[in-house]
Amino acid sequence: MEIIDAADGLLVLAGHYREGCAETLIEVDAQSRQTRMFLPLGDGPSRRWPDWVGRMFFGTRLLADGWHLVHAAAVSIDTDMGPRAVLFLAGPHGGKSTLAHRACAELSAKFLSDDLVFLQPRSDGVIAIGWPTRVSVPLELVDAATREMASTGAILDALAGGRRRRRLVLSPPEYAAMFGVERAGPTTLGAVVVVGPADAASSGRHGLEVDGKISASQIGAALTVAAQVPAQRLMMLDLLGVAGPSARPPWSMKTVQADLLAGLRDAEVAAVGLSVPDMSRLPSLPIWTALAAQVPWIMEGAP
């Protein structure tokens, strides 16, 4: 990317995805506070670069405005109180994508993200925004008819907990169209579900253990792990200042944890621990019935 003009408050940049691809032009008008992108026609690969630039622009602005980026999944559920987001916190391969997809399929929840979520505490609650990354649907949750439709999606293999996992990877628009899922915008956070392993001997009769009184230290520990996304933040660094003043690095995990914990406490967001002794059973366990004991509204939108 290079600056080809900078005069009278107008910054013009040109760049391309890789050698041989068509150029994309970006105009940043400081006076009108507008950023325009001129995309090449008929050149699919070249459109990936401006897509990244657009994400960088908005990601930079969200970080600079005090939003916190966390590795999590989230969905929005329509309740009598209005839309409420449910945030799923878990370690790598800890069931976030499974729970997000099951909520959309079984509770008619709207999709926010299954990988990255922006959170911001406000005076009226904690707001959640889904960041548009690829959606990874565990293949065991995809029926044969849908697999036949999935010509645009890639099937990825991975080892998780010593077992092979296969996932259908789609863009958010592809995911919404293929599964008939609605996508949600900024939503007030209503519940945080911290997912982790459990001792089979201590689990309930359904193979689940639900703790409705998890401590602030447990939530804080989960948030600290979830906030460790340096690679994703690196992709949002705007070294040329195209998006305006950048968020000031380094990002302190203690600051993120303290800010979010205070917001969750002030907004009285429900915090639930979900322990699963056998993660291979997560696609079929009665998750929502178990969680409803602590978060009664979680099944209000279920068909």
C-alpha atoms as a PDB file:
ATOM      1  CA  MET A   1       0.000   0.000   0.000  1.00  0.00           C
ATOM      2  CA  GLU A   2       1.274   3.495  -0.805  1.00  0.00           C
ATOM      3  CA  ILE A   3       0.102   7.071  -0.419  1.00  0.00           C
ATOM      4  CA  ILE A   4      -0.348   8.625  -3.848  1.00  0.00           C
ATOM      5  CA  ASP A   5      -1.812  11.972  -2.771  1.00  0.00           C
ATOM      6  CA  ALA A   6      -2.183  13.919   0.455  1.00  0.00           C
ATOM      7  CA  ALA A   7      -3.447  17.474   0.145  1.00  0.00           C
ATOM      8  CA  ASP A   8      -6.256  19.663   1.469  1.00  0.00           C
ATOM      9  CA  GLY A   9      -7.406  17.074   3.983  1.00  0.00           C
ATOM     10  CA  LEU A  10      -7.758  14.322   1.390  1.00  0.00           C
ATOM     11  CA  LEU A  11      -5.554  11.227   1.696  1.00  0.00           C
ATOM     12  CA  VAL A  12      -5.516   8.873  -1.306  1.00  0.00           C
ATOM     13  CA  LEU A  13      -3.960   5.432  -0.990  1.00  0.00           C
ATOM     14  CA  ALA A  14      -3.498   2.611  -3.475  1.00  0.00           C
ATOM     15  CA  GLY A  15      -2.764  -1.015  -2.801  1.00  0.00           C
ATOM     16  CA  HIS A  16      -3.241  -4.519  -4.108  1.00  0.00           C
ATOM     17  CA  TYR A  17      -3.758  -7.940  -2.597  1.00  0.00           C
ATOM     18  CA  ARG A  18      -0.686  -9.465  -4.236  1.00  0.00           C
ATOM     19  CA  GLU A  19       1.440  -9.017  -7.336  1.00  0.00           C
ATOM     20  CA  GLY A  20      -0.661  -9.224 -10.467  1.00  0.00           C
ATOM     21  CA  CYS A  21      -3.924  -8.266  -8.759  1.00  0.00           C
ATOM     22  CA  ALA A  22      -5.811  -5.084  -9.633  1.00  0.00           C
ATOM     23  CA  GLU A  23      -5.344  -2.014  -7.465  1.00  0.00           C
ATOM     24  CA  THR A  24      -7.868  -0.764  -4.956  1.00  0.00           C
ATOM     25  CA  LEU A  25      -8.069   2.957  -4.208  1.00  0.00           C
ATOM     26  CA  ILE A  26      -8.934   4.369  -0.783  1.00  0.00           C
ATOM     27  CA  GLU A  27      -9.891   7.999  -0.247  1.00  0.00           C
ATOM     28  CA  VAL A  28      -9.919   9.355   3.297  1.00  0.00           C
ATOM     29  CA  ASP A  29     -11.614  12.748   3.494  1.00  0.00           C
ATOM     30  CA  ALA A  30     -10.812  14.358   6.842  1.00  0.00           C
ATOM     31  CA  GLN A  31     -13.179  17.281   6.267  1.00  0.00           C
ATOM     32  CA  SER A  32     -16.293  15.244   5.511  1.00  0.00           C
ATOM     33  CA  ARG A  33     -15.133  12.413   7.820  1.00  0.00           C
ATOM     34  CA  GLN A  34     -15.737   9.827   5.102  1.00  0.00           C
ATOM     35  CA  THR A  35     -13.647   6.930   3.827  1.00  0.00           C
ATOM     36  CA  ARG A  36     -14.380   5.600   0.352  1.00  0.00           C
ATOM     37  CA  MET A  37     -13.095   2.430  -1.310  1.00  0.00           C
ATOM     38  CA  PHE A  38     -13.007   1.917  -5.078  1.00  0.00           C
ATOM     39  CA  LEU A  39     -12.999  -1.821  -5.750  1.00  0.00           C
ATOM     40  CA  PRO A  40     -11.879  -3.543  -8.974  1.00  0.00           C
ATOM     41  CA  LEU A  41     -14.665  -5.249 -10.888  1.00  0.00           C
ATOM     42  CA  GLY A  42     -14.543  -8.904 -11.823  1.00  0.00           C
ATOM     43  CA  ASP A  43     -11.459  -9.659  -9.734  1.00  0.00           C
ATOM     44  CA  GLY A  44     -12.481 -11.752  -6.742  1.00  0.00           C
ATOM     45  CA  PRO A  45      -9.047 -12.196  -5.124  1.00  0.00           C
ATOM     46  CA  SER A  46      -8.391  -8.450  -5.264  1.00  0.00           C
ATOM     47  CA  ARG A  47     -11.464  -7.795  -3.145  1.00  0.00           C
ATOM     48  CA  ARG A  48      -9.893  -9.595  -0.174  1.00  0.00           C
ATOM     49  CA  TRP A  49      -7.465  -6.764   0.431  1.00  0.00           C
ATOM     50  CA  PRO A  50     -10.076  -3.973   0.803  1.00  0.00           C
ATOM     51  CA  ASP A  51     -12.108  -6.365   2.964  1.00  0.00           C
ATOM     52  CA  TRP A  52      -9.124  -6.558   5.316  1.00  0.00           C
ATOM     53  CA  VAL A  53      -8.669  -2.776   5.176  1.00  0.00           C
ATOM     54  CA  GLY A  54     -12.330  -2.261   6.040  1.00  0.00           C
ATOM     55  CA  ARG A  55     -12.049  -4.565   9.027  1.00  0.00           C
ATOM     56  CA  MET A  56      -8.848  -2.847  10.106  1.00  0.00           C
ATOM     57  CA  PHE A  57     -10.606   0.524   9.909  1.00  0.00           C
ATOM     58  CA  PHE A  58     -13.547  -0.438  12.097  1.00  0.00           C
ATOM     59  CA  GLY A  59     -11.465  -2.618  14.423  1.00  0.00           C
ATOM     60  CA  THR A  60      -9.066   0.262  15.027  1.00  0.00           C
ATOM     61  CA  ARG A  61     -11.928   2.618  15.797  1.00  0.00           C
ATOM     62  CA  LEU A  62     -13.601   0.181  18.198  1.00  0.00           C
ATOM     63  CA  LEU A  63     -10.368  -0.427  20.114  1.00  0.00           C
ATOM     64  CA  ALA A  64      -9.655   3.316  20.268  1.00  0.00           C
ATOM     65  CA  ASP A  65     -13.195   3.928  21.574  1.00  0.00           C
ATOM     66  CA  GLY A  66     -12.702   1.574  24.522  1.00  0.00           C
ATOM     67  CA  TRP A  67     -14.093  -1.705  23.216  1.00  0.00           C
ATOM     68  CA  HIS A  68     -12.413  -4.946  24.315  1.00  0.00           C
ATOM     69  CA  LEU A  69     -11.768  -7.799  21.872  1.00  0.00           C
ATOM     70  CA  VAL A  70     -12.179 -11.317  23.292  1.00  0.00           C
ATOM     71  CA  HIS A  71     -11.919 -14.838  21.908  1.00  0.00           C
ATOM     72  CA  ALA A  72     -15.493 -16.016  22.472  1.00  0.00           C
ATOM     73  CA  ALA A  73     -18.766 -16.899  20.768  1.00  0.00           C
ATOM     74  CA  ALA A  74     -22.015 -14.999  21.149  1.00  0.00           C
ATOM     75  CA  VAL A  75     -25.636 -15.131  20.039  1.00  0.00           C
ATOM     76  CA  SER A  76     -28.619 -12.835  20.543  1.00  0.00           C
ATOM     77  CA  ILE A  77     -31.902 -14.132  21.958  1.00  0.00           C
ATOM     78  CA  ASP A  78     -35.206 -12.255  21.756  1.00  0.00           C
ATOM     79  CA  THR A  79     -36.699 -12.032  25.246  1.00  0.00           C
ATOM     80  CA  ASP A  80     -39.546 -10.164  26.932  1.00  0.00           C
ATOM     81  CA  MET A  81     -36.893  -7.637  28.027  1.00  0.00           C
ATOM     82  CA  GLY A  82     -35.676  -7.184  24.465  1.00  0.00           C
ATOM     83  CA  PRO A  83     -32.713  -8.829  22.716  1.00  0.00           C
ATOM     84  CA  ARG A  84     -30.107 -10.248  25.095  1.00  0.00           C
ATOM     85  CA  ALA A  85     -26.716 -11.639  24.107  1.00  0.00           C
ATOM     86  CA  VAL A  86     -25.282 -14.843  25.535  1.00  0.00           C
ATOM     87  CA  LEU A  87     -21.475 -14.971  25.589  1.00  0.00           C
ATOM     88  CA  PHE A  88     -19.743 -18.360  25.586  1.00  0.00           C
ATOM     89  CA  LEU A  89     -16.225 -18.379  27.044  1.00  0.00           C
ATOM     90  CA  ALA A  90     -14.068 -21.484  26.655  1.00  0.00           C
ATOM     91  CA  GLY A  91     -10.517 -22.507  25.874  1.00  0.00           C
ATOM     92  CA  PRO A  92      -9.346 -23.593  22.404  1.00  0.00           C
ATOM     93  CA  HIS A  93     -11.666 -26.283  20.995  1.00  0.00           C
ATOM     94  CA  GLY A  94     -13.788 -25.827  24.104  1.00  0.00           C
ATOM     95  CA  GLY A  95     -17.206 -25.905  22.424  1.00  0.00           C
ATOM     96  CA  LYS A  96     -17.824 -22.238  21.561  1.00  0.00           C
ATOM     97  CA  SER A  97     -18.723 -22.907  17.916  1.00  0.00           C
ATOM     98  CA  THR A  98     -20.904 -25.880  18.844  1.00  0.00           C
ATOM     99  CA  LEU A  99     -22.896 -23.883  21.391  1.00  0.00           C
ATOM    100  CA  ALA A 100     -23.314 -20.865  19.111  1.00  0.00           C
ATOM    101  CA  HIS A 101     -24.584 -22.990  16.229  1.00  0.00           C
ATOM    102  CA  ARG A 102     -26.872 -25.057  18.444  1.00  0.00           C
ATOM    103  CA  ALA A 103     -28.368 -21.877  19.902  1.00  0.00           C
ATOM    104  CA  CYS A 104     -29.136 -20.571  16.408  1.00  0.00           C
ATOM    105  CA  ALA A 105     -30.574 -23.899  15.240  1.00  0.00           C
ATOM    106  CA  GLU A 106     -32.460 -24.899  18.396  1.00  0.00           C
ATOM    107  CA  LEU A 107     -33.387 -21.577  20.063  1.00  0.00           C
ATOM    108  CA  SER A 108     -33.842 -19.425  16.923  1.00  0.00           C
ATOM    109  CA  ALA A 109     -31.059 -17.205  18.273  1.00  0.00           C
ATOM    110  CA  LYS A 110     -29.474 -14.586  16.028  1.00  0.00           C
ATOM    111  CA  PHE A 111     -25.785 -15.013  15.250  1.00  0.00           C
ATOM    112  CA  LEU A 112     -23.108 -12.616  16.496  1.00  0.00           C
ATOM    113  CA  SER A 113     -19.855 -14.577  16.193  1.00  0.00           C
ATOM    114  CA  ASP A 114     -18.351 -17.951  16.982  1.00  0.00           C
ATOM    115  CA  ASP A 115     -14.765 -16.713  17.382  1.00  0.00           C
ATOM    116  CA  LEU A 116     -14.235 -13.020  18.184  1.00  0.00           C
ATOM    117  CA  VAL A 117     -16.504 -10.615  20.072  1.00  0.00           C
ATOM    118  CA  PHE A 118     -16.124  -6.938  20.979  1.00  0.00           C
ATOM    119  CA  LEU A 119     -17.439  -5.927  24.427  1.00  0.00           C
ATOM    120  CA  GLN A 120     -17.928  -2.471  25.928  1.00  0.00           C
ATOM    121  CA  PRO A 121     -19.288  -1.657  29.404  1.00  0.00           C
ATOM    122  CA  ARG A 122     -21.691   1.286  29.368  1.00  0.00           C
ATOM    123  CA  SER A 123     -23.955   2.936  31.884  1.00  0.00           C
ATOM    124  CA  ASP A 124     -26.931   0.958  30.543  1.00  0.00           C
ATOM    125  CA  GLY A 125     -25.176  -2.424  30.339  1.00  0.00           C
ATOM    126  CA  VAL A 126     -22.418  -4.303  28.548  1.00  0.00           C
ATOM    127  CA  ILE A 127     -22.767  -4.229  24.741  1.00  0.00           C
ATOM    128  CA  ALA A 128     -21.596  -7.119  22.540  1.00  0.00           C
ATOM    129  CA  ILE A 129     -20.696  -6.936  18.851  1.00  0.00           C
ATOM    130  CA  GLY A 130     -19.759  -9.962  16.765  1.00  0.00           C
ATOM    131  CA  TRP A 131     -16.578  -9.567  14.710  1.00  0.00           C
ATOM    132  CA  PRO A 132     -16.905 -10.969  11.145  1.00  0.00           C
ATOM    133  CA  THR A 133     -14.513 -13.909  11.049  1.00  0.00           C
ATOM    134  CA  ARG A 134     -15.039 -17.267   9.360  1.00  0.00           C
ATOM    135  CA  VAL A 135     -17.740 -19.443  10.918  1.00  0.00           C
ATOM    136  CA  SER A 136     -16.667 -22.998  11.797  1.00  0.00           C
ATOM    137  CA  VAL A 137     -19.565 -25.433  12.136  1.00  0.00           C
ATOM    138  CA  PRO A 138     -18.713 -28.873  13.586  1.00  0.00           C
ATOM    139  CA  LEU A 139     -19.507 -31.377  10.850  1.00  0.00           C
ATOM    140  CA  GLU A 140     -21.489 -33.596  13.213  1.00  0.00           C
ATOM    141  CA  LEU A 141     -24.059 -30.780  13.416  1.00  0.00           C
ATOM    142  CA  VAL A 142     -24.477 -30.589   9.630  1.00  0.00           C
ATOM    143  CA  ASP A 143     -26.998 -32.909   7.994  1.00  0.00           C
ATOM    144  CA  ALA A 144     -26.399 -34.666   4.673  1.00  0.00           C
ATOM    145  CA  ALA A 145     -28.609 -32.290   2.677  1.00  0.00           C
ATOM    146  CA  THR A 146     -26.706 -29.254   3.944  1.00  0.00           C
ATOM    147  CA  ARG A 147     -23.380 -30.895   3.163  1.00  0.00           C
ATOM    148  CA  GLU A 148     -24.529 -31.275  -0.433  1.00  0.00           C
ATOM    149  CA  MET A 149     -25.192 -27.524  -0.547  1.00  0.00           C
ATOM    150  CA  ALA A 150     -21.827 -26.678   0.985  1.00  0.00           C
ATOM    151  CA  SER A 151     -19.873 -26.423  -2.256  1.00  0.00           C
ATOM    152  CA  THR A 152     -18.473 -23.018  -1.217  1.00  0.00           C
ATOM    153  CA  GLY A 153     -17.320 -24.088   2.227  1.00  0.00           C
ATOM    154  CA  ALA A 154     -14.026 -25.714   3.095  1.00  0.00           C
ATOM    155  CA  ILE A 155     -13.879 -28.795   5.292  1.00  0.00           C
ATOM    156  CA  LEU A 156     -11.045 -28.472   7.791  1.00  0.00           C
ATOM    157  CA  ASP A 157      -9.581 -31.203   9.973  1.00  0.00           C
ATOM    158  CA  ALA A 158      -8.085 -30.564  13.395  1.00  0.00           C
ATOM    159  CA  LEU A 159      -7.051 -32.479  16.472  1.00  0.00           C
ATOM    160  CA  ALA A 160      -8.817 -31.363  19.648  1.00  0.00           C
ATOM    161  CA  GLY A 161      -8.263 -33.125  22.937  1.00  0.00           C
ATOM    162  CA  GLY A 162      -6.690 -36.079  21.172  1.00  0.00           C
ATOM    163  CA  ARG A 163      -9.615 -36.613  18.807  1.00  0.00           C
ATOM    164  CA  ARG A 164     -10.162 -35.603  15.202  1.00  0.00           C
ATOM    165  CA  ARG A 165     -12.590 -32.782  14.574  1.00  0.00           C
ATOM    166  CA  ARG A 166     -14.006 -31.856  11.167  1.00  0.00           C
ATOM    167  CA  ARG A 167     -15.547 -28.453  10.556  1.00  0.00           C
ATOM    168  CA  LEU A 168     -17.386 -26.751   7.739  1.00  0.00           C
ATOM    169  CA  VAL A 169     -15.859 -23.280   7.345  1.00  0.00           C
ATOM    170  CA  LEU A 170     -18.021 -20.517   5.843  1.00  0.00           C
ATOM    171  CA  SER A 171     -18.113 -16.745   5.621  1.00  0.00           C
ATOM    172  CA  PRO A 172     -20.797 -15.120   7.830  1.00  0.00           C
ATOM    173  CA  PRO A 173     -23.081 -14.391   4.813  1.00  0.00           C
ATOM    174  CA  GLU A 174     -22.660 -17.969   3.561  1.00  0.00           C
ATOM    175  CA  TYR A 175     -23.453 -19.311   7.023  1.00  0.00           C
ATOM    176  CA  ALA A 176     -26.573 -17.149   7.360  1.00  0.00           C
ATOM    177  CA  ALA A 177     -27.867 -18.188   3.929  1.00  0.00           C
ATOM    178  CA  MET A 178     -27.076 -21.890   4.254  1.00  0.00           C
ATOM    179  CA  PHE A 179     -28.669 -22.393   7.675  1.00  0.00           C
ATOM    180  CA  GLY A 180     -31.359 -19.711   7.533  1.00  0.00           C
ATOM    181  CA  VAL A 181     -29.797 -17.861  10.457  1.00  0.00           C
ATOM    182  CA  GLU A 182     -30.305 -14.172  11.139  1.00  0.00           C
ATOM    183  CA  ARG A 183     -27.334 -12.038  12.141  1.00  0.00           C
ATOM    184  CA  ALA A 184     -27.553  -9.538  14.990  1.00  0.00           C
ATOM    185  CA  GLY A 185     -26.008  -6.131  15.500  1.00  0.00           C
ATOM    186  CA  PRO A 186     -24.904  -4.609  18.826  1.00  0.00           C
ATOM    187  CA  THR A 187     -26.775  -6.378  21.634  1.00  0.00           C
ATOM    188  CA  THR A 188     -26.950  -5.892  25.392  1.00  0.00           C
ATOM    189  CA  LEU A 189     -25.206  -8.744  27.167  1.00  0.00           C
ATOM    190  CA  GLY A 190     -27.549 -10.826  29.321  1.00  0.00           C
ATOM    191  CA  ALA A 191     -25.490 -13.859  30.319  1.00  0.00           C
ATOM    192  CA  VAL A 192     -21.951 -15.211  30.318  1.00  0.00           C
ATOM    193  CA  VAL A 193     -21.473 -18.989  30.134  1.00  0.00           C
ATOM    194  CA  VAL A 194     -17.997 -20.195  31.122  1.00  0.00           C
ATOM    195  CA  VAL A 195     -17.461 -23.659  29.613  1.00  0.00           C
ATOM    196  CA  GLY A 196     -14.887 -26.076  30.928  1.00  0.00           C
ATOM    197  CA  PRO A 197     -14.123 -29.759  31.549  1.00  0.00           C
ATOM    198  CA  ALA A 198     -15.547 -31.622  34.536  1.00  0.00           C
ATOM    199  CA  ASP A 199     -14.880 -34.780  36.481  1.00  0.00           C
ATOM    200  CA  ALA A 200     -17.332 -37.411  35.242  1.00  0.00           C
ATOM    201  CA  ALA A 201     -17.986 -38.446  38.845  1.00  0.00           C
ATOM    202  CA  SER A 202     -19.247 -34.973  39.762  1.00  0.00           C
ATOM    203  CA  SER A 203     -21.465 -34.381  36.732  1.00  0.00           C
ATOM    204  CA  GLY A 204     -25.249 -34.475  36.821  1.00  0.00           C
ATOM    205  CA  ARG A 205     -27.481 -37.150  35.409  1.00  0.00           C
ATOM    206  CA  HIS A 206     -27.333 -35.563  31.951  1.00  0.00           C
ATOM    207  CA  GLY A 207     -23.532 -35.511  31.941  1.00  0.00           C
ATOM    208  CA  LEU A 208     -23.505 -31.779  32.765  1.00  0.00           C
ATOM    209  CA  GLU A 209     -22.725 -29.679  35.788  1.00  0.00           C
ATOM    210  CA  VAL A 210     -24.159 -26.162  35.949  1.00  0.00           C
ATOM    211  CA  ASP A 211     -22.877 -23.703  38.533  1.00  0.00           C
ATOM    212  CA  GLY A 212     -24.951 -20.558  38.909  1.00  0.00           C
ATOM    213  CA  LYS A 213     -22.650 -19.013  41.509  1.00  0.00           C
ATOM    214  CA  ILE A 214     -19.243 -18.942  39.873  1.00  0.00           C
ATOM    215  CA  SER A 215     -16.901 -16.441  41.496  1.00  0.00           C
ATOM    216  CA  ALA A 216     -15.608 -13.188  40.093  1.00  0.00           C
ATOM    217  CA  SER A 217     -12.117 -14.691  40.064  1.00  0.00           C
ATOM    218  CA  GLN A 218     -13.335 -17.563  37.852  1.00  0.00           C
ATOM    219  CA  ILE A 219     -14.982 -15.161  35.420  1.00  0.00           C
ATOM    220  CA  GLY A 220     -11.915 -12.926  35.536  1.00  0.00           C
ATOM    221  CA  ALA A 221      -9.614 -15.834  34.727  1.00  0.00           C
ATOM    222  CA  ALA A 222     -11.792 -16.809  31.748  1.00  0.00           C
ATOM    223  CA  LEU A 223     -11.871 -13.205  30.503  1.00  0.00           C
ATOM    224  CA  THR A 224      -8.092 -12.886  30.844  1.00  0.00           C
ATOM    225  CA  VAL A 225      -7.576 -15.960  28.664  1.00  0.00           C
ATOM    226  CA  ALA A 226     -10.225 -14.772  26.189  1.00  0.00           C
ATOM    227  CA  ALA A 227      -8.602 -11.346  25.874  1.00  0.00           C
ATOM    228  CA  GLN A 228      -5.264 -12.802  24.788  1.00  0.00           C
ATOM    229  CA  VAL A 229      -5.701 -12.246  21.054  1.00  0.00           C
ATOM    230  CA  PRO A 230      -2.488 -10.410  20.041  1.00  0.00           C
ATOM    231  CA  ALA A 231      -2.531 -11.664  16.442  1.00  0.00           C
ATOM    232  CA  GLN A 232      -6.046 -10.313  15.875  1.00  0.00           C
ATOM    233  CA  ARG A 233      -5.119  -6.950  17.416  1.00  0.00           C
ATOM    234  CA  LEU A 234      -1.998  -6.814  15.265  1.00  0.00           C
ATOM    235  CA  MET A 235      -4.245  -7.030  12.207  1.00  0.00           C
ATOM    236  CA  MET A 236      -6.013  -3.885  13.445  1.00  0.00           C
ATOM    237  CA  LEU A 237      -2.931  -1.677  13.793  1.00  0.00           C
ATOM    238  CA  ASP A 238      -3.334   1.358  11.545  1.00  0.00           C
ATOM    239  CA  LEU A 239       0.254   2.569  11.196  1.00  0.00           C
ATOM    240  CA  LEU A 240      -0.641   5.211   8.594  1.00  0.00           C
ATOM    241  CA  GLY A 241      -3.431   6.687  10.685  1.00  0.00           C
ATOM    242  CA  VAL A 242      -6.022   6.127   7.977  1.00  0.00           C
ATOM    243  CA  ALA A 243      -8.681   5.364  10.573  1.00  0.00           C
ATOM    244  CA  GLY A 244      -7.711   8.183  12.927  1.00  0.00           C
ATOM    245  CA  PRO A 245      -5.932   7.952  16.302  1.00  0.00           C
ATOM    246  CA  SER A 246      -5.059   4.375  17.200  1.00  0.00           C
ATOM    247  CA  ALA A 247      -5.749   2.589  20.463  1.00  0.00           C
ATOM    248  CA  ARG A 248      -2.708   2.963  22.665  1.00  0.00           C
ATOM    249  CA  PRO A 249      -0.709  -0.247  22.974  1.00  0.00           C
ATOM    250  CA  PRO A 250       0.170  -2.271  24.891  1.00  0.00           C
ATOM    251  CA  TRP A 251      -3.231  -3.600  25.932  1.00  0.00           C
ATOM    252  CA  SER A 252      -3.187  -4.600  29.589  1.00  0.00           C
ATOM    253  CA  MET A 253      -4.961  -7.858  30.413  1.00  0.00           C
ATOM    254  CA  LYS A 254      -5.501  -6.583  33.957  1.00  0.00           C
ATOM    255  CA  THR A 255      -7.201  -3.458  32.622  1.00  0.00           C
ATOM    256  CA  VAL A 256      -9.448  -5.481  30.314  1.00  0.00           C
ATOM    257  CA  GLN A 257     -10.340  -7.888  33.107  1.00  0.00           C
ATOM    258  CA  ALA A 258     -11.098  -5.142  35.633  1.00  0.00           C
ATOM    259  CA  ASP A 259     -13.141  -3.083  33.171  1.00  0.00           C
ATOM    260  CA  LEU A 260     -15.259  -6.014  32.008  1.00  0.00           C
ATOM    261  CA  LEU A 261     -15.752  -7.451  35.497  1.00  0.00           C
ATOM    262  CA  ALA A 262     -16.980  -4.075  36.756  1.00  0.00           C
ATOM    263  CA  GLY A 263     -19.344  -3.803  33.787  1.00  0.00           C
ATOM    264  CA  LEU A 264     -20.747  -7.308  34.311  1.00  0.00           C
ATOM    265  CA  ARG A 265     -21.270  -6.639  38.004  1.00  0.00           C
ATOM    266  CA  ASP A 266     -22.907  -3.228  37.512  1.00  0.00           C
ATOM    267  CA  ALA A 267     -25.232  -4.573  34.804  1.00  0.00           C
ATOM    268  CA  GLU A 268     -26.061  -7.669  36.883  1.00  0.00           C
ATOM    269  CA  VAL A 269     -25.217  -9.961  33.975  1.00  0.00           C
ATOM    270  CA  ALA A 270     -25.934 -13.614  34.797  1.00  0.00           C
ATOM    271  CA  ALA A 271     -22.723 -15.655  35.066  1.00  0.00           C
ATOM    272  CA  VAL A 272     -22.990 -19.426  34.762  1.00  0.00           C
ATOM    273  CA  GLY A 273     -20.395 -22.172  34.784  1.00  0.00           C
ATOM    274  CA  LEU A 274     -21.008 -25.122  32.457  1.00  0.00           C
ATOM    275  CA  SER A 275     -18.829 -28.179  33.072  1.00  0.00           C
ATOM    276  CA  VAL A 276     -18.831 -31.027  30.564  1.00  0.00           C
ATOM    277  CA  PRO A 277     -16.961 -34.275  31.365  1.00  0.00           C
ATOM    278  CA  ASP A 278     -17.065 -35.574  27.781  1.00  0.00           C
ATOM    279  CA  MET A 279     -16.838 -32.832  25.137  1.00  0.00           C
ATOM    280  CA  SER A 280     -17.612 -35.322  22.356  1.00  0.00           C
ATOM    281  CA  ARG A 281     -21.198 -35.404  23.701  1.00  0.00           C
ATOM    282  CA  LEU A 282     -21.644 -31.621  23.613  1.00  0.00           C
ATOM    283  CA  PRO A 283     -23.581 -31.676  20.288  1.00  0.00           C
ATOM    284  CA  SER A 284     -26.327 -33.802  21.848  1.00  0.00           C
ATOM    285  CA  LEU A 285     -26.448 -32.892  25.550  1.00  0.00           C
ATOM    286  CA  PRO A 286     -29.544 -30.995  26.867  1.00  0.00           C
ATOM    287  CA  ILE A 287     -27.582 -27.770  27.276  1.00  0.00           C
ATOM    288  CA  TRP A 288     -30.478 -25.312  27.214  1.00  0.00           C
ATOM    289  CA  THR A 289     -32.612 -27.183  29.740  1.00  0.00           C
ATOM    290  CA  ALA A 290     -29.644 -27.264  32.096  1.00  0.00           C
ATOM    291  CA  LEU A 291     -28.858 -23.553  31.647  1.00  0.00           C
ATOM    292  CA  ALA A 292     -32.509 -22.489  31.941  1.00  0.00           C
ATOM    293  CA  ALA A 293     -32.414 -23.188  35.670  1.00  0.00           C
ATOM    294  CA  GLN A 294     -30.004 -20.247  36.023  1.00  0.00           C
ATOM    295  CA  VAL A 295     -30.951 -18.173  32.954  1.00  0.00           C
ATOM    296  CA  PRO A 296     -34.746 -18.651  32.576  1.00  0.00           C
ATOM    297  CA  TRP A 297     -35.078 -16.436  29.490  1.00  0.00           C
ATOM    298  CA  ILE A 298     -32.554 -18.421  27.441  1.00  0.00           C
ATOM    299  CA  MET A 299     -35.330 -20.581  25.943  1.00  0.00           C
ATOM    300  CA  GLU A 300     -37.895 -17.830  25.346  1.00  0.00           C
ATOM    301  CA  GLY A 301     -37.205 -17.736  21.613  1.00  0.00           C
ATOM    302  CA  ALA A 302     -37.199 -21.515  21.153  1.00  0.00           C
ATOM    303  CA  PRO A 303     -39.675 -22.736  18.502  1.00  0.00           C
END
